[in-house]
Amino acid sequence: MPRTNFQELLDAGAHFGHLKRKWNPKMAPYIFMEKNGIHIIDLHKTVVMIDDAANMMKQLARAGRKILFVATKKQAKDIVAEKAKAVNMPYVTERWPGGMLTNFPTIRKAVKKMNTIDKMIADGTFESLSKREKLQITRQRAKLEKNLGSIADLNRLPSALFIVDIQKEMNAVREANRLNIPVIAMVDTCCDPTPIDYVIPANDDAAKSISVIMDALCGAVTEGLEERKLEKEKEEKLSAAEKESKEGKESEAPVGKKLRARKSHTAEAEAKATESTNE
């Protein structure tokens, strides 16, 4: 069963492309028709491609991998931040930090700096600083939080990127392509879909369109995380059962030894008794 349907996407306005004069010819396979100078996206293809992207994201979540959500445009940032946070995935909604992927160790250092400041506040070191130093550190912490707070848990490179508006986030696309990280993206009729691994042809300007597609994809991520949790629980139960049976066998072993010792002792006593009778 598809994760979205034609009517749902139609109601959200996902079919509205850009003006005909602004189109990118490479988007031709995903365009249904032109109406009043505006290209109309083929939503039947969008439904199928949402399913493909969702299944891929589900597999990644099930394997315990991270998917980085990227959307800095005004109408998308709040929706993406809210839904990515709900599935415990990292996201960038302020400004794409240059070299975020290609220079990942430097980004991690900045995140560690933020954690160091938090430790200073927690252990009381911060209070011993001068007023000026406190102000500088507070400002630095606020800036780091704004730009990198949402990726604080990203300890290694993400396994995939989800992007809204690839024209605006071209730097993110380039970095991901350079490192062979798969890119899933909402692609409008004015964009070039070539650098995208999983194209979702849709209106990337309407908040409703973004929300419907995010719901479908985050639903798949949730399924993957739940399956992972169930598998872990199953493994824990199996390992606990194996441990119990092992302990049981070990405790049985001394009892067996005692029984064998007792039998041999009885046999020896019986043999001695027979010998004395014969004499």
Protein backbone atom coordinates (compact mmCIF):
# COMPACT_ATOMS: atom_id res chain seq x y z
CA MET A 1 0.00 0.00 0.00
CA PRO A 2 1.43 3.44 -0.98
CA ARG A 3 2.49 5.79 1.81
CA THR A 4 0.68 8.69 0.13
CA ASN A 5 -2.00 8.87 -2.52
CA PHE A 6 -2.77 11.01 -5.54
CA GLN A 7 -5.63 12.89 -3.84
CA GLU A 8 -3.63 13.71 -0.73
CA LEU A 9 -0.80 15.19 -2.79
CA LEU A 10 -3.27 17.03 -5.03
CA ASP A 11 -4.99 18.62 -2.01
CA ALA A 12 -1.58 19.72 -0.69
CA GLY A 13 -0.76 21.43 -4.01
CA ALA A 14 2.24 19.17 -4.66
CA HIS A 15 1.42 19.15 -8.39
CA PHE A 16 2.16 22.84 -9.01
CA GLY A 17 5.50 23.33 -10.74
CA HIS A 18 7.16 26.59 -11.78
CA LEU A 19 6.42 28.83 -14.76
CA LYS A 20 7.04 27.16 -18.11
CA ARG A 21 9.81 29.64 -18.98
CA LYS A 22 11.70 28.70 -15.78
CA TRP A 23 11.64 24.95 -16.34
CA ASN A 24 14.61 22.62 -16.56
CA PRO A 25 14.25 20.26 -19.59
CA LYS A 26 15.73 17.41 -17.51
CA MET A 27 12.52 17.43 -15.46
CA ALA A 28 10.45 16.58 -18.58
CA PRO A 29 9.84 12.90 -17.55
CA TYR A 30 8.10 14.09 -14.36
CA ILE A 31 5.87 16.75 -15.98
CA PHE A 32 2.28 15.80 -16.81
CA MET A 33 1.16 18.92 -18.70
CA GLU A 34 1.27 22.69 -18.88
CA LYS A 35 -1.67 24.81 -17.72
CA ASN A 36 -1.89 28.62 -17.82
CA GLY A 37 1.87 28.86 -18.33
CA ILE A 38 2.63 26.65 -15.29
CA HIS A 39 3.97 23.11 -15.43
CA ILE A 40 1.90 20.43 -13.67
CA ILE A 41 3.84 17.57 -12.05
CA ASP A 42 2.74 13.97 -12.66
CA LEU A 43 1.64 12.96 -9.16
CA HIS A 44 1.30 9.27 -10.10
CA LYS A 45 5.09 9.23 -10.48
CA THR A 46 5.51 11.23 -7.25
CA VAL A 47 3.54 8.58 -5.27
CA VAL A 48 5.82 5.79 -6.57
CA MET A 49 9.00 7.76 -5.94
CA ILE A 50 7.96 8.70 -2.39
CA ASP A 51 7.57 4.94 -1.71
CA ASP A 52 11.05 4.19 -3.10
CA ALA A 53 12.65 6.91 -0.96
CA ALA A 54 10.65 5.90 2.12
CA ASN A 55 11.69 2.24 1.84
CA MET A 56 15.33 3.22 1.54
CA MET A 57 15.06 5.50 4.61
CA LYS A 58 13.29 2.75 6.57
CA GLN A 59 16.17 0.32 5.87
CA LEU A 60 18.73 2.90 7.03
CA ALA A 61 16.81 3.60 10.25
CA ARG A 62 16.47 -0.14 10.87
CA ALA A 63 20.24 -0.51 10.52
CA GLY A 64 20.77 2.27 13.08
CA ARG A 65 22.07 4.77 10.52
CA LYS A 66 21.49 8.54 10.58
CA ILE A 67 19.71 10.56 7.87
CA LEU A 68 20.47 14.29 7.79
CA PHE A 69 17.47 16.50 6.95
CA VAL A 70 18.34 19.80 5.24
CA ALA A 71 15.93 22.71 4.65
CA THR A 72 16.83 26.35 5.24
CA LYS A 73 14.03 28.01 3.26
CA LYS A 74 11.45 29.88 5.33
CA GLN A 75 8.36 27.75 4.55
CA ALA A 76 10.20 24.44 5.10
CA LYS A 77 12.55 24.93 8.06
CA ASP A 78 10.02 24.68 10.92
CA ILE A 79 8.21 21.67 9.41
CA VAL A 80 11.47 19.80 8.76
CA ALA A 81 12.91 20.64 12.20
CA GLU A 82 9.78 19.46 14.01
CA LYS A 83 9.39 16.20 12.10
CA ALA A 84 13.12 15.32 12.09
CA LYS A 85 13.29 15.95 15.85
CA ALA A 86 10.26 13.64 16.35
CA VAL A 87 12.15 10.72 14.75
CA ASN A 88 15.43 11.63 16.52
CA MET A 89 17.32 12.48 13.33
CA PRO A 90 19.82 15.34 12.83
CA TYR A 91 18.78 18.36 10.77
CA VAL A 92 20.11 21.66 9.41
CA THR A 93 17.54 24.45 9.15
CA GLU A 94 19.58 27.61 9.76
CA ARG A 95 22.53 27.83 7.40
CA TRP A 96 24.49 25.05 5.74
CA PRO A 97 27.93 25.19 7.41
CA GLY A 98 30.48 25.06 4.57
CA GLY A 99 32.42 21.80 4.71
CA MET A 100 29.82 20.22 6.97
CA LEU A 101 30.43 16.85 5.27
CA THR A 102 33.73 17.27 3.44
CA ASN A 103 35.39 18.79 6.51
CA PHE A 104 33.43 16.86 9.12
CA PRO A 105 36.22 16.65 11.79
CA THR A 106 36.26 20.47 12.05
CA ILE A 107 32.48 20.54 12.54
CA ARG A 108 32.82 17.88 15.26
CA LYS A 109 35.42 20.08 17.01
CA ALA A 110 32.93 22.95 17.08
CA VAL A 111 30.28 20.63 18.57
CA LYS A 112 32.81 19.44 21.20
CA LYS A 113 33.51 23.09 22.03
CA MET A 114 29.80 23.51 22.74
CA ASN A 115 29.85 20.45 25.02
CA THR A 116 32.93 21.82 26.84
CA ILE A 117 31.08 25.08 27.58
CA ASP A 118 28.13 23.06 28.93
CA LYS A 119 30.51 21.14 31.24
CA MET A 120 32.00 24.43 32.48
CA ILE A 121 28.52 25.66 33.36
CA ALA A 122 27.66 22.35 35.05
CA ASP A 123 30.80 22.05 37.21
CA GLY A 124 30.87 25.71 38.28
CA THR A 125 34.02 26.77 36.36
CA PHE A 126 31.94 29.27 34.41
CA GLU A 127 31.03 31.18 37.60
CA SER A 128 34.69 31.84 38.43
CA LEU A 129 35.25 33.71 35.13
CA SER A 130 35.17 37.49 34.75
CA LYS A 131 32.02 39.23 33.54
CA ARG A 132 33.55 39.90 30.11
CA GLU A 133 34.65 36.26 29.62
CA LYS A 134 31.22 35.04 30.66
CA LEU A 135 29.58 37.29 28.06
CA GLN A 136 31.96 36.11 25.30
CA ILE A 137 31.40 32.42 26.13
CA THR A 138 27.61 32.87 26.35
CA ARG A 139 27.56 34.51 22.91
CA GLN A 140 29.78 31.79 21.46
CA ARG A 141 27.54 29.08 22.93
CA ALA A 142 24.39 30.71 21.50
CA LYS A 143 25.97 30.95 18.02
CA LEU A 144 27.11 27.31 18.10
CA GLU A 145 23.70 26.16 19.33
CA LYS A 146 21.92 28.02 16.52
CA ASN A 147 24.09 26.56 13.76
CA LEU A 148 25.11 23.16 15.13
CA GLY A 149 22.77 22.32 18.03
CA SER A 150 20.57 20.12 15.84
CA ILE A 151 23.54 17.96 14.76
CA ALA A 152 25.14 17.57 18.22
CA ASP A 153 24.39 13.80 18.20
CA LEU A 154 25.86 13.24 14.72
CA ASN A 155 29.11 11.47 15.65
CA ARG A 156 29.91 10.27 12.13
CA LEU A 157 28.94 11.17 8.57
CA PRO A 158 25.23 10.60 7.80
CA SER A 159 24.26 7.65 5.62
CA ALA A 160 21.88 9.79 3.53
CA LEU A 161 20.62 13.36 3.10
CA PHE A 162 17.04 14.51 2.63
CA ILE A 163 16.84 17.95 1.01
CA VAL A 164 14.05 20.42 0.32
CA ASP A 165 14.91 22.76 -2.60
CA ILE A 166 18.12 21.53 -4.20
CA GLN A 167 18.80 24.92 -5.82
CA LYS A 168 18.98 26.63 -2.44
CA GLU A 169 20.93 23.74 -0.87
CA MET A 170 23.32 23.18 -3.79
CA ASN A 171 26.37 23.18 -1.47
CA ALA A 172 24.90 20.31 0.56
CA VAL A 173 24.17 18.37 -2.65
CA ARG A 174 27.73 18.92 -3.94
CA GLU A 175 29.33 17.77 -0.68
CA ALA A 176 27.14 14.67 -0.51
CA ASN A 177 27.92 13.79 -4.16
CA ARG A 178 31.61 14.23 -3.53
CA LEU A 179 31.49 11.72 -0.64
CA ASN A 180 29.05 9.35 -2.42
CA ILE A 181 26.37 9.91 0.23
CA PRO A 182 22.90 9.16 -1.26
CA VAL A 183 20.66 12.22 -1.66
CA ILE A 184 16.85 12.10 -1.40
CA ALA A 185 15.21 15.37 -2.42
CA MET A 186 12.01 17.15 -3.29
CA VAL A 187 12.71 18.39 -6.82
CA ASP A 188 10.66 21.14 -8.50
CA THR A 189 10.32 21.68 -12.27
CA CYS A 190 13.00 24.41 -12.29
CA CYS A 191 15.72 22.09 -10.92
CA ASP A 192 18.23 19.66 -12.42
CA PRO A 193 17.48 16.18 -10.97
CA THR A 194 20.78 14.65 -12.23
CA PRO A 195 22.78 14.86 -8.93
CA ILE A 196 19.89 13.37 -6.90
CA ASP A 197 19.76 9.63 -6.17
CA TYR A 198 16.11 9.52 -5.07
CA VAL A 199 14.09 12.20 -6.87
CA ILE A 200 10.68 13.16 -5.44
CA PRO A 201 9.11 15.43 -8.09
CA ALA A 202 6.94 17.87 -6.13
CA ASN A 203 6.21 21.49 -5.31
CA ASP A 204 8.97 22.47 -2.86
CA ASP A 205 7.50 25.92 -2.10
CA ALA A 206 4.15 24.99 -0.52
CA ALA A 207 4.24 24.21 3.22
CA LYS A 208 1.41 21.65 2.84
CA SER A 209 3.26 19.78 0.09
CA ILE A 210 6.44 19.64 2.20
CA SER A 211 4.46 18.51 5.25
CA VAL A 212 2.67 15.64 3.46
CA ILE A 213 5.93 14.28 2.00
CA MET A 214 7.77 14.68 5.32
CA ASP A 215 4.98 12.76 7.09
CA ALA A 216 5.32 9.85 4.66
CA LEU A 217 9.11 9.69 4.94
CA CYS A 218 9.25 10.16 8.72
CA GLY A 219 6.57 7.48 9.08
CA ALA A 220 8.92 5.08 7.28
CA VAL A 221 11.82 6.10 9.54
CA THR A 222 9.64 5.45 12.62
CA GLU A 223 8.79 1.97 11.31
CA GLY A 224 12.48 1.24 10.81
CA LEU A 225 13.36 2.41 14.32
CA GLU A 226 10.57 0.31 15.86
CA GLU A 227 11.70 -2.80 13.97
CA ARG A 228 15.26 -2.19 15.17
CA LYS A 229 14.01 -1.90 18.76
CA LEU A 230 12.05 -5.18 18.48
CA GLU A 231 15.07 -6.96 16.99
CA LYS A 232 17.26 -5.73 19.84
CA GLU A 233 14.74 -6.91 22.45
CA LYS A 234 14.56 -10.30 20.73
CA GLU A 235 18.36 -10.60 20.73
CA GLU A 236 18.54 -9.62 24.39
CA LYS A 237 15.95 -12.30 25.30
CA LEU A 238 17.84 -14.94 23.30
CA SER A 239 21.19 -14.04 24.87
CA ALA A 240 19.57 -14.07 28.35
CA ALA A 241 18.05 -17.52 27.64
CA GLU A 242 21.41 -18.84 26.38
CA LYS A 243 23.14 -17.48 29.48
CA GLU A 244 20.58 -19.19 31.74
CA SER A 245 20.95 -22.56 29.98
CA LYS A 246 24.76 -22.26 30.17
CA GLU A 247 24.61 -21.48 33.88
CA GLY A 248 22.20 -24.41 34.33
CA LYS A 249 24.60 -26.82 32.61
CA GLU A 250 27.52 -25.56 34.71
CA SER A 251 25.57 -26.05 37.95
CA GLU A 252 24.53 -29.57 36.82
CA ALA A 253 28.14 -30.58 36.16
CA PRO A 254 29.31 -30.70 39.83
CA VAL A 255 26.17 -32.68 40.76
CA GLY A 256 27.00 -35.23 38.06
CA LYS A 257 30.55 -35.49 39.30
CA LYS A 258 29.32 -36.06 42.87
CA LEU A 259 26.95 -38.83 41.71
CA ARG A 260 29.73 -40.55 39.75
CA ALA A 261 32.08 -40.28 42.76
CA ARG A 262 29.39 -41.68 45.03
CA LYS A 263 28.74 -44.63 42.65
CA SER A 264 32.45 -45.50 42.40
CA HIS A 265 32.77 -45.28 46.21
CA THR A 266 29.78 -47.64 46.64
CA ALA A 267 31.25 -50.06 44.08
CA GLU A 268 34.58 -50.08 45.93
CA ALA A 269 32.84 -50.79 49.25
CA GLU A 270 30.84 -53.64 47.70
CA ALA A 271 34.01 -55.18 46.20
CA LYS A 272 35.79 -55.06 49.57
CA ALA A 273 32.79 -56.68 51.29
CA THR A 274 32.75 -59.52 48.71
CA GLU A 275 36.50 -60.10 49.20
CA SER A 276 36.15 -60.34 53.00
CA THR A 277 33.23 -62.82 52.64
CA ASN A 278 35.25 -65.08 50.34
CA GLU A 279 38.10 -65.15 52.82
